[in-house]
Amino acid sequence: MADNITVEFTIEPFVDGALPAYVTAAVEALEAMGITAVVGPFGTAFTAAPAQVGPAVSAVLSAAYANGATHVSIDSGRI
């Protein structure tokens, strides 16, 4: 069985250009937990131990919505 889980998330509304505050806040929330986020052109991903995933997703949602997000899509899977 795999040891880690990868989580991918997309935060809306989509804005072309510089990252909006709701994305940077979500990334900063992960970094504060010691989790590295990989920001792509249409979404962001991180890999974490199973025990970290729930708190990390909660932190992403809280930070995103507190900074103006209207929708957050999350997909995860074991690696």
N, C-alpha and C. Protein backbone atom coordinates (compact mmCIF):
# COMPACT_ATOMS: atom_id res chain seq x y z
N MET A 1 0.85 -1.19 0.00
CA MET A 1 0.00 0.00 0.00
C MET A 1 0.89 1.25 0.00
N ALA A 2 0.49 2.25 -0.72
CA ALA A 2 1.26 3.49 -0.83
C ALA A 2 1.26 4.26 0.49
N ASP A 3 2.29 5.00 0.70
CA ASP A 3 2.43 5.75 1.94
C ASP A 3 1.89 7.17 1.88
N ASN A 4 1.80 7.74 0.72
CA ASN A 4 1.40 9.14 0.59
C ASN A 4 0.16 9.31 -0.27
N ILE A 5 -0.43 10.48 -0.14
CA ILE A 5 -1.59 10.85 -0.93
C ILE A 5 -1.28 12.16 -1.65
N THR A 6 -1.59 12.19 -2.92
CA THR A 6 -1.46 13.43 -3.69
C THR A 6 -2.84 14.08 -3.78
N VAL A 7 -2.87 15.38 -3.53
CA VAL A 7 -4.10 16.16 -3.60
C VAL A 7 -3.89 17.25 -4.64
N GLU A 8 -4.82 17.36 -5.55
CA GLU A 8 -4.82 18.43 -6.54
C GLU A 8 -6.04 19.29 -6.30
N PHE A 9 -5.85 20.61 -6.37
CA PHE A 9 -7.01 21.49 -6.18
C PHE A 9 -6.96 22.65 -7.15
N THR A 10 -8.14 23.09 -7.53
CA THR A 10 -8.32 24.25 -8.40
C THR A 10 -9.25 25.21 -7.68
N ILE A 11 -8.83 26.46 -7.64
CA ILE A 11 -9.61 27.49 -6.94
C ILE A 11 -10.15 28.47 -7.96
N GLU A 12 -11.42 28.77 -7.86
CA GLU A 12 -12.07 29.72 -8.77
C GLU A 12 -12.51 30.96 -8.01
N PRO A 13 -12.67 32.08 -8.65
CA PRO A 13 -12.70 32.26 -10.10
C PRO A 13 -11.29 32.25 -10.68
N PHE A 14 -11.20 31.72 -11.91
CA PHE A 14 -9.92 31.69 -12.62
C PHE A 14 -9.56 33.10 -13.05
N VAL A 15 -8.31 33.48 -12.78
CA VAL A 15 -7.81 34.79 -13.20
C VAL A 15 -6.52 34.57 -13.97
N ASP A 16 -6.45 35.08 -15.18
CA ASP A 16 -5.26 34.96 -16.00
C ASP A 16 -4.21 35.95 -15.51
N GLY A 17 -2.98 35.50 -15.38
CA GLY A 17 -1.91 36.40 -14.95
C GLY A 17 -1.43 36.05 -13.56
N ALA A 18 -1.20 37.08 -12.74
CA ALA A 18 -0.68 36.89 -11.39
C ALA A 18 -1.65 36.08 -10.53
N LEU A 19 -1.10 35.30 -9.61
CA LEU A 19 -1.95 34.49 -8.73
C LEU A 19 -2.77 35.39 -7.82
N PRO A 20 -4.07 35.14 -7.73
CA PRO A 20 -4.92 35.91 -6.83
C PRO A 20 -4.66 35.55 -5.37
N ALA A 21 -5.13 36.38 -4.47
CA ALA A 21 -4.90 36.20 -3.03
C ALA A 21 -5.43 34.86 -2.53
N TYR A 22 -6.54 34.37 -3.09
CA TYR A 22 -7.09 33.11 -2.60
C TYR A 22 -6.21 31.92 -2.94
N VAL A 23 -5.42 32.01 -3.99
CA VAL A 23 -4.47 30.94 -4.32
C VAL A 23 -3.22 31.07 -3.46
N THR A 24 -2.67 32.27 -3.39
CA THR A 24 -1.44 32.44 -2.60
C THR A 24 -1.70 32.13 -1.12
N ALA A 25 -2.84 32.48 -0.60
CA ALA A 25 -3.16 32.19 0.79
C ALA A 25 -3.25 30.68 1.03
N ALA A 26 -3.82 29.95 0.09
CA ALA A 26 -3.91 28.49 0.21
C ALA A 26 -2.53 27.87 0.19
N VAL A 27 -1.67 28.33 -0.70
CA VAL A 27 -0.30 27.83 -0.78
C VAL A 27 0.45 28.16 0.51
N GLU A 28 0.30 29.37 1.01
CA GLU A 28 0.96 29.76 2.25
C GLU A 28 0.48 28.92 3.44
N ALA A 29 -0.80 28.56 3.45
CA ALA A 29 -1.34 27.72 4.52
C ALA A 29 -0.67 26.35 4.49
N LEU A 30 -0.46 25.80 3.31
CA LEU A 30 0.22 24.52 3.19
C LEU A 30 1.68 24.63 3.63
N GLU A 31 2.34 25.69 3.18
CA GLU A 31 3.74 25.88 3.54
C GLU A 31 3.91 26.03 5.04
N ALA A 32 2.95 26.65 5.71
CA ALA A 32 3.01 26.81 7.17
C ALA A 32 2.92 25.46 7.87
N MET A 33 2.37 24.47 7.17
CA MET A 33 2.27 23.11 7.70
C MET A 33 3.47 22.26 7.30
N GLY A 34 4.42 22.86 6.58
CA GLY A 34 5.59 22.12 6.12
C GLY A 34 5.35 21.31 4.86
N ILE A 35 4.28 21.63 4.13
CA ILE A 35 3.92 20.91 2.91
C ILE A 35 4.23 21.79 1.71
N THR A 36 4.94 21.21 0.75
CA THR A 36 5.30 21.94 -0.47
C THR A 36 4.17 21.82 -1.49
N ALA A 37 3.75 22.95 -2.01
CA ALA A 37 2.72 22.99 -3.04
C ALA A 37 3.37 23.26 -4.39
N VAL A 38 2.89 22.58 -5.41
CA VAL A 38 3.36 22.79 -6.77
C VAL A 38 2.24 23.49 -7.53
N VAL A 39 2.47 24.74 -7.89
CA VAL A 39 1.46 25.55 -8.56
C VAL A 39 1.61 25.40 -10.06
N GLY A 40 0.53 25.00 -10.71
CA GLY A 40 0.51 24.86 -12.17
C GLY A 40 -0.37 25.92 -12.78
N PRO A 41 -0.51 25.91 -14.09
CA PRO A 41 -1.30 26.95 -14.77
C PRO A 41 -2.80 26.88 -14.47
N PHE A 42 -3.31 25.70 -14.11
CA PHE A 42 -4.75 25.56 -13.88
C PHE A 42 -5.08 24.94 -12.54
N GLY A 43 -4.07 24.67 -11.73
CA GLY A 43 -4.33 24.07 -10.43
C GLY A 43 -3.05 23.92 -9.63
N THR A 44 -3.20 23.42 -8.43
CA THR A 44 -2.09 23.27 -7.50
C THR A 44 -2.15 21.87 -6.92
N ALA A 45 -0.99 21.31 -6.60
CA ALA A 45 -0.94 19.96 -6.05
C ALA A 45 0.03 19.89 -4.89
N PHE A 46 -0.21 18.92 -4.01
CA PHE A 46 0.74 18.62 -2.95
C PHE A 46 0.64 17.14 -2.62
N THR A 47 1.70 16.61 -2.04
CA THR A 47 1.74 15.23 -1.60
C THR A 47 2.03 15.23 -0.11
N ALA A 48 1.29 14.42 0.63
CA ALA A 48 1.45 14.40 2.08
C ALA A 48 1.12 13.01 2.62
N ALA A 49 1.53 12.79 3.86
CA ALA A 49 1.17 11.57 4.56
C ALA A 49 -0.34 11.58 4.82
N PRO A 50 -0.96 10.42 4.88
CA PRO A 50 -2.40 10.36 5.09
C PRO A 50 -2.90 11.17 6.29
N ALA A 51 -2.17 11.17 7.38
CA ALA A 51 -2.60 11.92 8.56
C ALA A 51 -2.58 13.43 8.36
N GLN A 52 -1.81 13.90 7.38
CA GLN A 52 -1.73 15.34 7.11
C GLN A 52 -2.79 15.82 6.13
N VAL A 53 -3.35 14.91 5.35
CA VAL A 53 -4.22 15.32 4.25
C VAL A 53 -5.47 16.04 4.72
N GLY A 54 -6.17 15.52 5.69
CA GLY A 54 -7.39 16.17 6.19
C GLY A 54 -7.13 17.58 6.68
N PRO A 55 -6.17 17.77 7.60
CA PRO A 55 -5.86 19.13 8.05
C PRO A 55 -5.37 20.04 6.91
N ALA A 56 -4.63 19.49 5.97
CA ALA A 56 -4.13 20.30 4.86
C ALA A 56 -5.26 20.77 3.96
N VAL A 57 -6.18 19.86 3.63
CA VAL A 57 -7.33 20.24 2.79
C VAL A 57 -8.18 21.27 3.53
N SER A 58 -8.38 21.09 4.81
CA SER A 58 -9.13 22.06 5.60
C SER A 58 -8.46 23.43 5.55
N ALA A 59 -7.14 23.45 5.65
CA ALA A 59 -6.41 24.72 5.61
C ALA A 59 -6.53 25.39 4.24
N VAL A 60 -6.47 24.58 3.18
CA VAL A 60 -6.64 25.12 1.82
C VAL A 60 -8.02 25.75 1.67
N LEU A 61 -9.05 25.02 2.07
CA LEU A 61 -10.42 25.54 1.94
C LEU A 61 -10.62 26.81 2.76
N SER A 62 -10.17 26.79 3.99
CA SER A 62 -10.32 27.97 4.86
C SER A 62 -9.62 29.19 4.28
N ALA A 63 -8.38 29.01 3.85
CA ALA A 63 -7.61 30.14 3.31
C ALA A 63 -8.22 30.65 2.01
N ALA A 64 -8.62 29.73 1.14
CA ALA A 64 -9.18 30.14 -0.15
C ALA A 64 -10.47 30.93 0.03
N TYR A 65 -11.40 30.39 0.80
CA TYR A 65 -12.68 31.07 0.96
C TYR A 65 -12.55 32.37 1.77
N ALA A 66 -11.62 32.42 2.70
CA ALA A 66 -11.40 33.65 3.46
C ALA A 66 -10.83 34.77 2.60
N ASN A 67 -10.29 34.40 1.43
CA ASN A 67 -9.67 35.39 0.56
C ASN A 67 -10.40 35.57 -0.77
N GLY A 68 -11.67 35.17 -0.82
CA GLY A 68 -12.50 35.50 -1.98
C GLY A 68 -12.78 34.40 -2.98
N ALA A 69 -12.37 33.18 -2.71
CA ALA A 69 -12.68 32.09 -3.65
C ALA A 69 -14.19 31.87 -3.72
N THR A 70 -14.65 31.44 -4.88
CA THR A 70 -16.06 31.13 -5.05
C THR A 70 -16.31 29.63 -5.17
N HIS A 71 -15.25 28.86 -5.51
CA HIS A 71 -15.39 27.43 -5.69
C HIS A 71 -14.01 26.79 -5.58
N VAL A 72 -13.94 25.64 -4.93
CA VAL A 72 -12.69 24.88 -4.84
C VAL A 72 -12.99 23.44 -5.22
N SER A 73 -12.28 22.94 -6.23
CA SER A 73 -12.39 21.55 -6.64
C SER A 73 -11.18 20.80 -6.11
N ILE A 74 -11.41 19.62 -5.53
CA ILE A 74 -10.33 18.84 -4.95
C ILE A 74 -10.40 17.42 -5.47
N ASP A 75 -9.23 16.89 -5.84
CA ASP A 75 -9.12 15.50 -6.29
C ASP A 75 -7.92 14.90 -5.57
N SER A 76 -8.05 13.66 -5.13
CA SER A 76 -6.93 13.04 -4.42
C SER A 76 -6.79 11.58 -4.79
N GLY A 77 -5.60 11.05 -4.55
CA GLY A 77 -5.35 9.65 -4.81
C GLY A 77 -4.07 9.19 -4.14
N ARG A 78 -4.01 7.92 -3.81
CA ARG A 78 -2.80 7.33 -3.22
C ARG A 78 -1.74 7.18 -4.29
N ILE A 79 -0.50 7.39 -3.89
CA ILE A 79 0.60 7.16 -4.83
C ILE A 79 1.55 6.11 -4.29
